[in-house]
Amino acid sequence: MMMMMMMICVVLVGECSQVMLLCGSVEDRISKELVQLEVATEENVLKPLTTILDDDIPAIDKLRRQLDTRTLDMDAAKNRSVSDFIQQKNLLFYDCFLSY
């Protein structure tokens, strides 16, 4: 009986060691996949975002400021044009009125 229990223990220990080896290989594969995921994330996400932050956003901001300036210039030119038109219209009206 004692011998039988020892044989069962040896078999169980052998099975446990195989399970532990299998778990170790699974953990090894998981760690390799995690490293590949981190590298792919850096290449596909972080590098493009860094490019956007370093290059594109400053360029967009510069263009937005230029657009704001030019919009203000256009509005000022429109106001001057309308003002000049009204002034010329008034002058023509007064000239016509004075010529009668």
C-alpha atoms as a PDB file:
ATOM      1  CA  MET A   1       0.000   0.000   0.000  1.00  0.00           C
ATOM      2  CA  MET A   2       2.769   2.387   0.936  1.00  0.00           C
ATOM      3  CA  MET A   3       4.574   1.592  -2.276  1.00  0.00           C
ATOM      4  CA  MET A   4       1.462   2.312  -4.268  1.00  0.00           C
ATOM      5  CA  MET A   5       1.052   5.721  -2.621  1.00  0.00           C
ATOM      6  CA  MET A   6       4.682   6.565  -3.409  1.00  0.00           C
ATOM      7  CA  MET A   7       4.158   5.655  -7.042  1.00  0.00           C
ATOM      8  CA  ILE A   8       1.047   7.830  -7.190  1.00  0.00           C
ATOM      9  CA  CYS A   9       2.992  10.724  -5.642  1.00  0.00           C
ATOM     10  CA  VAL A  10       5.793  10.304  -8.192  1.00  0.00           C
ATOM     11  CA  VAL A  11       3.271  10.306 -11.027  1.00  0.00           C
ATOM     12  CA  LEU A  12       1.547  13.394  -9.598  1.00  0.00           C
ATOM     13  CA  VAL A  13       4.866  15.200  -9.186  1.00  0.00           C
ATOM     14  CA  GLY A  14       5.768  14.307 -12.759  1.00  0.00           C
ATOM     15  CA  GLU A  15       2.431  15.640 -13.999  1.00  0.00           C
ATOM     16  CA  CYS A  16       2.835  18.798 -11.930  1.00  0.00           C
ATOM     17  CA  SER A  17       6.261  19.436 -13.397  1.00  0.00           C
ATOM     18  CA  GLN A  18       4.854  19.018 -16.895  1.00  0.00           C
ATOM     19  CA  VAL A  19       2.042  21.450 -16.063  1.00  0.00           C
ATOM     20  CA  MET A  20       4.586  23.907 -14.676  1.00  0.00           C
ATOM     21  CA  LEU A  21       6.691  23.604 -17.827  1.00  0.00           C
ATOM     22  CA  LEU A  22       3.601  24.187 -19.945  1.00  0.00           C
ATOM     23  CA  CYS A  23       2.641  27.237 -17.850  1.00  0.00           C
ATOM     24  CA  GLY A  24       6.170  28.585 -18.195  1.00  0.00           C
ATOM     25  CA  SER A  25       6.107  28.252 -21.979  1.00  0.00           C
ATOM     26  CA  VAL A  26       2.678  29.940 -22.103  1.00  0.00           C
ATOM     27  CA  GLU A  27       3.967  32.816 -19.962  1.00  0.00           C
ATOM     28  CA  ASP A  28       7.000  33.102 -22.240  1.00  0.00           C
ATOM     29  CA  ARG A  29       4.773  33.355 -25.324  1.00  0.00           C
ATOM     30  CA  ILE A  30       2.537  35.904 -23.589  1.00  0.00           C
ATOM     31  CA  SER A  31       5.550  38.066 -22.697  1.00  0.00           C
ATOM     32  CA  LYS A  32       6.823  37.938 -26.291  1.00  0.00           C
ATOM     33  CA  GLU A  33       3.377  38.942 -27.588  1.00  0.00           C
ATOM     34  CA  LEU A  34       3.285  41.801 -25.079  1.00  0.00           C
ATOM     35  CA  VAL A  35       6.659  43.067 -26.296  1.00  0.00           C
ATOM     36  CA  GLN A  36       5.463  42.874 -29.916  1.00  0.00           C
ATOM     37  CA  LEU A  37       2.275  44.741 -28.963  1.00  0.00           C
ATOM     38  CA  GLU A  38       4.275  47.513 -27.272  1.00  0.00           C
ATOM     39  CA  VAL A  39       6.573  47.886 -30.282  1.00  0.00           C
ATOM     40  CA  ALA A  40       3.647  47.926 -32.715  1.00  0.00           C
ATOM     41  CA  THR A  41       1.801  50.462 -30.554  1.00  0.00           C
ATOM     42  CA  GLU A  42       4.834  52.729 -30.508  1.00  0.00           C
ATOM     43  CA  GLU A  43       5.278  52.515 -34.280  1.00  0.00           C
ATOM     44  CA  ASN A  44       1.605  52.762 -35.254  1.00  0.00           C
ATOM     45  CA  VAL A  45       0.269  55.144 -32.601  1.00  0.00           C
ATOM     46  CA  LEU A  46       2.933  57.042 -30.698  1.00  0.00           C
ATOM     47  CA  LYS A  47       5.173  58.028 -33.626  1.00  0.00           C
ATOM     48  CA  PRO A  48       2.296  59.445 -35.739  1.00  0.00           C
ATOM     49  CA  LEU A  49       0.920  61.293 -32.700  1.00  0.00           C
ATOM     50  CA  THR A  50       4.350  62.732 -31.986  1.00  0.00           C
ATOM     51  CA  THR A  51       4.593  63.893 -35.596  1.00  0.00           C
ATOM     52  CA  ILE A  52       1.195  65.548 -35.331  1.00  0.00           C
ATOM     53  CA  LEU A  53       2.115  67.258 -32.077  1.00  0.00           C
ATOM     54  CA  ASP A  54       5.557  68.399 -33.218  1.00  0.00           C
ATOM     55  CA  ASP A  55       4.895  69.360 -36.848  1.00  0.00           C
ATOM     56  CA  ASP A  56       1.246  69.554 -37.810  1.00  0.00           C
ATOM     57  CA  ILE A  57      -0.291  71.385 -34.852  1.00  0.00           C
ATOM     58  CA  PRO A  58       2.199  74.306 -34.942  1.00  0.00           C
ATOM     59  CA  ALA A  59       1.657  74.650 -38.704  1.00  0.00           C
ATOM     60  CA  ILE A  60      -2.120  74.575 -38.272  1.00  0.00           C
ATOM     61  CA  ASP A  61      -1.898  77.169 -35.496  1.00  0.00           C
ATOM     62  CA  LYS A  62       0.247  79.443 -37.680  1.00  0.00           C
ATOM     63  CA  LEU A  63      -2.212  79.151 -40.567  1.00  0.00           C
ATOM     64  CA  ARG A  64      -5.136  79.842 -38.229  1.00  0.00           C
ATOM     65  CA  ARG A  65      -3.467  83.039 -37.003  1.00  0.00           C
ATOM     66  CA  GLN A  66      -2.836  84.088 -40.621  1.00  0.00           C
ATOM     67  CA  LEU A  67      -6.478  83.413 -41.456  1.00  0.00           C
ATOM     68  CA  ASP A  68      -7.615  85.497 -38.481  1.00  0.00           C
ATOM     69  CA  THR A  69      -5.385  88.381 -39.562  1.00  0.00           C
ATOM     70  CA  ARG A  70      -6.540  88.224 -43.165  1.00  0.00           C
ATOM     71  CA  THR A  71     -10.172  87.979 -42.128  1.00  0.00           C
ATOM     72  CA  LEU A  72      -9.778  91.145 -40.068  1.00  0.00           C
ATOM     73  CA  ASP A  73      -8.052  92.838 -43.014  1.00  0.00           C
ATOM     74  CA  MET A  74     -10.901  91.792 -45.327  1.00  0.00           C
ATOM     75  CA  ASP A  75     -13.534  93.082 -42.900  1.00  0.00           C
ATOM     76  CA  ALA A  76     -11.698  96.391 -42.586  1.00  0.00           C
ATOM     77  CA  ALA A  77     -11.437  96.680 -46.392  1.00  0.00           C
ATOM     78  CA  LYS A  78     -15.175  95.950 -46.750  1.00  0.00           C
ATOM     79  CA  ASN A  79     -16.028  98.603 -44.193  1.00  0.00           C
ATOM     80  CA  ARG A  80     -13.793 101.130 -45.945  1.00  0.00           C
ATOM     81  CA  SER A  81     -15.348 100.229 -49.289  1.00  0.00           C
ATOM     82  CA  VAL A  82     -18.890 100.638 -47.977  1.00  0.00           C
ATOM     83  CA  SER A  83     -17.922 103.855 -46.247  1.00  0.00           C
ATOM     84  CA  ASP A  84     -16.294 105.200 -49.446  1.00  0.00           C
ATOM     85  CA  PHE A  85     -19.335 104.179 -51.495  1.00  0.00           C
ATOM     86  CA  ILE A  86     -21.702 105.964 -49.121  1.00  0.00           C
ATOM     87  CA  GLN A  87     -19.476 109.024 -49.113  1.00  0.00           C
ATOM     88  CA  GLN A  88     -19.339 109.099 -52.925  1.00  0.00           C
ATOM     89  CA  LYS A  89     -23.086 108.626 -53.125  1.00  0.00           C
ATOM     90  CA  ASN A  90     -23.614 111.532 -50.739  1.00  0.00           C
ATOM     91  CA  LEU A  91     -21.212 113.704 -52.731  1.00  0.00           C
ATOM     92  CA  LEU A  92     -23.023 112.891 -55.966  1.00  0.00           C
ATOM     93  CA  PHE A  93     -26.342 113.676 -54.307  1.00  0.00           C
ATOM     94  CA  TYR A  94     -25.102 117.016 -53.036  1.00  0.00           C
ATOM     95  CA  ASP A  95     -23.501 117.826 -56.408  1.00  0.00           C
ATOM     96  CA  CYS A  96     -26.801 117.097 -58.152  1.00  0.00           C
ATOM     97  CA  PHE A  97     -28.692 119.110 -55.566  1.00  0.00           C
ATOM     98  CA  LEU A  98     -26.336 122.082 -55.801  1.00  0.00           C
ATOM     99  CA  SER A  99     -26.367 122.080 -59.592  1.00  0.00           C
ATOM    100  CA  TYR A 100     -30.160 122.787 -59.684  1.00  0.00           C
END
